[in-house]
Amino acid sequence: MTDDPLAQARHRTEAEARAAVIACALQMNALGINHGKAGNVSCRWDRSAASGYLITPAALPFHRLEAADIVWMALEADDGDAPDEARGQPSSEWRFHRDLYRARGQVQALVHTHSLHAAALSCLPAIQRSGLPPFHYMIATLGGSDVRCAAYHSFGTQALSDAVITAMQGRHACLMAHHGLLAAGGHLAQALSRALELERLSQMYALGLSLGGPALLDEAQMQDVMARFARRG
């Protein structure tokens, strides 16, 4: 088992999983891709026969998080009520965490940030229509030849979750219109790495636009890159 708690797909105890969620939340702020109490982090965690996930709470700055603040949610739950032992309520965005875990069994962790360049690009009409195009081969690390942008809906709504599920089909990450980004992974470290990659790509694309607009790779070139990545694992 890896010594990095964020790189574990399955933690030995719930206490370890809670600590890993907090560590991931603190790290994404330290990396500069989030700030304050914006964004949220979750990972799968089942209790006995009940499938569920652990998620950061609402309205609490990450630097103040303690293990008891992390909220466990059942996957079958259709409301945001936290279990009796929780100190507070789950992040307002718990719906798209729940729905992605329901829809995609391989996803073990999710990282949502309000990173500067991703959020800025998500406000542009062209990005909202067509997403982030294949201007750089590292787009392929996020699951396809582009990065889609989920349509805007008010935060915390089922409509936003539905839009995110659509944008994430066949992808590891997406932009969220007038909002930020979301990244999925097989463990917290992978989800965080993909969030960081999407923010970096967003920064590069924004710079490219300011210089007159980048050239794009074609579909054959992107398919070649994805095949190379697949062979490398």
Protein backbone atom coordinates (compact mmCIF):
# COMPACT_ATOMS: atom_id res chain seq x y z
CA MET A 1 0.00 0.00 0.00
CA THR A 2 1.32 3.44 -0.89
CA ASP A 3 2.54 5.75 1.87
CA ASP A 4 0.68 8.66 0.24
CA PRO A 5 -2.81 8.73 1.82
CA LEU A 6 -4.19 10.63 -1.18
CA ALA A 7 -3.06 7.88 -3.57
CA GLN A 8 -5.01 5.11 -1.83
CA ALA A 9 -8.13 3.99 -3.65
CA ARG A 10 -9.26 2.11 -0.54
CA HIS A 11 -8.41 3.37 2.92
CA ARG A 12 -8.13 0.97 5.80
CA THR A 13 -10.37 2.94 8.14
CA GLU A 14 -12.90 5.74 7.93
CA ALA A 15 -10.59 7.87 10.06
CA GLU A 16 -7.89 7.51 7.38
CA ALA A 17 -10.36 8.41 4.64
CA ARG A 18 -11.53 11.51 6.53
CA ALA A 19 -7.93 12.61 7.05
CA ALA A 20 -7.21 12.12 3.34
CA VAL A 21 -10.19 14.28 2.31
CA ILE A 22 -8.94 17.07 4.58
CA ALA A 23 -5.38 16.72 3.29
CA CYS A 24 -6.62 16.96 -0.30
CA ALA A 25 -8.71 20.06 0.46
CA LEU A 26 -5.73 21.76 2.13
CA GLN A 27 -3.42 20.80 -0.72
CA MET A 28 -5.65 22.22 -3.44
CA ASN A 29 -5.67 25.55 -1.61
CA ALA A 30 -1.90 25.39 -1.09
CA LEU A 31 -1.44 24.72 -4.82
CA GLY A 32 -3.38 27.89 -5.59
CA ILE A 33 -6.22 26.21 -7.48
CA ASN A 34 -8.78 27.03 -4.82
CA HIS A 35 -9.24 29.44 -1.94
CA GLY A 36 -11.01 29.82 1.39
CA LYS A 37 -14.11 27.65 1.64
CA ALA A 38 -14.82 27.52 -2.10
CA GLY A 39 -14.84 24.15 -3.85
CA ASN A 40 -15.24 20.71 -2.30
CA VAL A 41 -13.64 17.26 -2.08
CA SER A 42 -15.08 13.78 -1.68
CA CYS A 43 -14.10 10.12 -1.78
CA ARG A 44 -16.08 6.90 -1.75
CA TRP A 45 -16.55 5.26 1.62
CA ASP A 46 -18.96 2.41 2.28
CA ARG A 47 -20.32 1.59 5.70
CA SER A 48 -21.07 -2.13 6.03
CA ALA A 49 -23.68 -2.80 3.33
CA ALA A 50 -24.40 0.90 2.75
CA SER A 51 -22.63 2.48 -0.22
CA GLY A 52 -21.64 6.08 0.37
CA TYR A 53 -19.03 8.79 0.27
CA LEU A 54 -17.28 11.31 2.52
CA ILE A 55 -17.50 14.98 1.53
CA THR A 56 -16.29 18.31 2.86
CA PRO A 57 -18.92 20.31 4.76
CA ALA A 58 -20.69 23.51 3.77
CA ALA A 59 -19.46 26.96 4.81
CA LEU A 60 -16.32 25.94 6.67
CA PRO A 61 -12.84 27.14 5.59
CA PHE A 62 -10.58 24.20 4.84
CA HIS A 63 -7.88 25.29 7.30
CA ARG A 64 -10.41 24.81 10.10
CA LEU A 65 -11.49 21.31 9.08
CA GLU A 66 -11.34 18.48 11.60
CA ALA A 67 -12.14 14.82 11.02
CA ALA A 68 -15.58 15.15 12.62
CA ASP A 69 -16.50 17.91 10.18
CA ILE A 70 -16.33 15.59 7.15
CA VAL A 71 -19.83 14.38 6.29
CA TRP A 72 -20.73 10.83 5.33
CA MET A 73 -23.55 10.54 2.77
CA ALA A 74 -25.40 7.44 1.59
CA LEU A 75 -25.47 6.97 -2.18
CA GLU A 76 -29.16 6.09 -2.10
CA ALA A 77 -30.04 9.31 -0.27
CA ASP A 78 -32.12 11.76 -2.29
CA ASP A 79 -31.81 14.67 0.11
CA GLY A 80 -28.95 16.50 1.76
CA ASP A 81 -29.67 15.56 5.35
CA ALA A 82 -26.45 14.63 7.12
CA PRO A 83 -26.28 11.65 9.48
CA ASP A 84 -26.88 12.32 13.15
CA GLU A 85 -23.17 12.21 14.02
CA ALA A 86 -22.21 14.93 11.52
CA ARG A 87 -21.38 18.37 12.93
CA GLY A 88 -22.82 20.20 9.96
CA GLN A 89 -24.32 19.88 6.52
CA PRO A 90 -22.52 18.56 3.44
CA SER A 91 -21.24 20.85 0.73
CA SER A 92 -24.07 22.39 -1.25
CA GLU A 93 -22.70 20.55 -4.30
CA TRP A 94 -23.29 17.07 -2.83
CA ARG A 95 -25.71 16.20 -5.66
CA PHE A 96 -23.14 15.97 -8.44
CA HIS A 97 -20.82 13.99 -6.16
CA ARG A 98 -23.63 11.52 -5.41
CA ASP A 99 -24.73 11.30 -9.03
CA LEU A 100 -21.24 10.73 -10.41
CA TYR A 101 -20.57 7.99 -7.87
CA ARG A 102 -23.88 6.40 -8.79
CA ALA A 103 -23.19 6.60 -12.53
CA ARG A 104 -19.51 5.65 -12.65
CA GLY A 105 -18.33 2.84 -10.42
CA GLN A 106 -14.66 3.39 -11.25
CA VAL A 107 -14.68 6.92 -9.83
CA GLN A 108 -13.33 6.88 -6.29
CA ALA A 109 -12.69 10.57 -5.67
CA LEU A 110 -13.85 14.00 -6.87
CA VAL A 111 -12.23 17.43 -6.61
CA HIS A 112 -14.16 20.62 -7.43
CA THR A 113 -12.32 23.96 -7.46
CA HIS A 114 -12.94 27.59 -8.35
CA SER A 115 -9.49 27.93 -9.93
CA LEU A 116 -8.81 31.26 -11.58
CA HIS A 117 -8.16 30.43 -15.23
CA ALA A 118 -10.67 27.59 -15.49
CA ALA A 119 -13.37 29.79 -13.95
CA ALA A 120 -12.48 32.68 -16.26
CA LEU A 121 -12.64 30.53 -19.40
CA SER A 122 -15.92 29.02 -18.23
CA CYS A 123 -17.51 32.46 -18.57
CA LEU A 124 -16.69 32.75 -22.29
CA PRO A 125 -19.55 31.95 -24.72
CA ALA A 126 -17.25 30.01 -27.07
CA ILE A 127 -16.01 27.79 -24.24
CA GLN A 128 -19.55 27.23 -22.98
CA ARG A 129 -20.58 26.10 -26.47
CA SER A 130 -17.59 23.98 -27.46
CA GLY A 131 -15.41 23.46 -24.41
CA LEU A 132 -11.64 23.53 -24.32
CA PRO A 133 -10.39 22.38 -27.76
CA PRO A 134 -7.35 20.17 -28.56
CA PHE A 135 -4.74 22.94 -28.60
CA HIS A 136 -2.30 20.84 -26.51
CA TYR A 137 -1.75 17.09 -26.41
CA MET A 138 -2.15 17.00 -22.61
CA ILE A 139 -5.88 17.53 -23.11
CA ALA A 140 -5.88 13.76 -23.70
CA THR A 141 -4.99 13.09 -20.05
CA LEU A 142 -8.49 14.26 -19.17
CA GLY A 143 -10.17 11.51 -21.14
CA GLY A 144 -10.78 12.78 -24.67
CA SER A 145 -9.88 15.21 -27.42
CA ASP A 146 -11.57 18.14 -25.68
CA VAL A 147 -12.79 19.25 -22.25
CA ARG A 148 -16.51 19.98 -22.16
CA CYS A 149 -18.14 22.80 -20.24
CA ALA A 150 -21.25 21.97 -18.21
CA ALA A 151 -24.11 24.39 -18.79
CA TYR A 152 -24.74 26.98 -16.09
CA HIS A 153 -27.30 26.30 -13.38
CA SER A 154 -27.48 27.59 -9.82
CA PHE A 155 -25.04 25.92 -7.44
CA GLY A 156 -26.33 22.98 -5.48
CA THR A 157 -29.23 22.21 -7.81
CA GLN A 158 -30.20 18.96 -9.48
CA ALA A 159 -30.13 20.81 -12.81
CA LEU A 160 -26.44 21.57 -12.29
CA SER A 161 -25.74 17.95 -11.38
CA ASP A 162 -27.50 16.77 -14.55
CA ALA A 163 -25.41 19.18 -16.64
CA VAL A 164 -22.20 17.97 -14.99
CA ILE A 165 -23.06 14.32 -15.60
CA THR A 166 -23.56 15.12 -19.30
CA ALA A 167 -20.28 17.03 -19.56
CA MET A 168 -18.36 14.26 -17.78
CA GLN A 169 -19.50 11.43 -20.07
CA GLY A 170 -16.34 9.73 -21.29
CA ARG A 171 -14.18 12.33 -19.53
CA HIS A 172 -12.16 12.65 -16.33
CA ALA A 173 -12.78 16.38 -15.91
CA CYS A 174 -14.96 19.23 -17.09
CA LEU A 175 -15.39 22.96 -16.80
CA MET A 176 -18.55 24.37 -15.22
CA ALA A 177 -19.99 27.53 -16.77
CA HIS A 178 -19.55 30.67 -14.64
CA HIS A 179 -18.22 28.44 -11.88
CA GLY A 180 -14.98 26.43 -12.05
CA LEU A 181 -13.89 22.86 -12.73
CA LEU A 182 -14.51 19.30 -11.60
CA ALA A 183 -12.05 16.37 -11.80
CA ALA A 184 -12.54 12.67 -11.05
CA GLY A 185 -10.02 9.97 -10.26
CA GLY A 186 -9.36 6.49 -8.98
CA HIS A 187 -8.07 8.10 -5.79
CA LEU A 188 -7.79 11.58 -4.35
CA ALA A 189 -4.25 12.16 -5.66
CA GLN A 190 -5.36 11.41 -9.22
CA ALA A 191 -8.43 13.64 -9.00
CA LEU A 192 -6.30 16.47 -7.59
CA SER A 193 -3.65 15.97 -10.28
CA ARG A 194 -6.31 16.18 -12.99
CA ALA A 195 -7.78 19.33 -11.46
CA LEU A 196 -4.31 20.89 -11.44
CA GLU A 197 -3.76 19.81 -15.06
CA LEU A 198 -7.04 21.34 -16.19
CA GLU A 199 -6.25 24.63 -14.47
CA ARG A 200 -2.80 24.66 -16.08
CA LEU A 201 -4.28 23.92 -19.51
CA SER A 202 -6.85 26.67 -18.95
CA GLN A 203 -4.04 29.09 -18.16
CA MET A 204 -2.15 28.09 -21.33
CA TYR A 205 -5.25 28.39 -23.49
CA ALA A 206 -6.12 31.81 -22.06
CA LEU A 207 -2.59 32.96 -22.87
CA GLY A 208 -2.87 31.48 -26.35
CA LEU A 209 -6.09 33.40 -26.95
CA SER A 210 -4.39 36.63 -25.90
CA LEU A 211 -1.65 36.00 -28.49
CA GLY A 212 -4.08 35.58 -31.36
CA GLY A 213 -5.48 32.07 -30.83
CA PRO A 214 -3.66 28.73 -30.88
CA ALA A 215 -3.62 26.19 -33.70
CA LEU A 216 -5.46 22.94 -32.92
CA LEU A 217 -4.44 19.31 -33.18
CA ASP A 218 -6.68 17.21 -35.41
CA GLU A 219 -8.65 14.14 -34.32
CA ALA A 220 -6.09 11.68 -35.71
CA GLN A 221 -3.31 13.37 -33.75
CA MET A 222 -5.37 13.29 -30.55
CA GLN A 223 -6.28 9.64 -31.04
CA ASP A 224 -2.57 8.85 -31.44
CA VAL A 225 -1.80 10.64 -28.18
CA MET A 226 -4.58 8.82 -26.33
CA ALA A 227 -3.33 5.47 -27.64
CA ARG A 228 0.19 6.31 -26.47
CA PHE A 229 -1.11 7.27 -23.03
CA ALA A 230 -3.13 4.03 -22.86
CA ARG A 231 -0.03 1.94 -23.63
CA ARG A 232 1.88 3.77 -20.91
CA GLY A 233 -0.91 3.12 -18.40
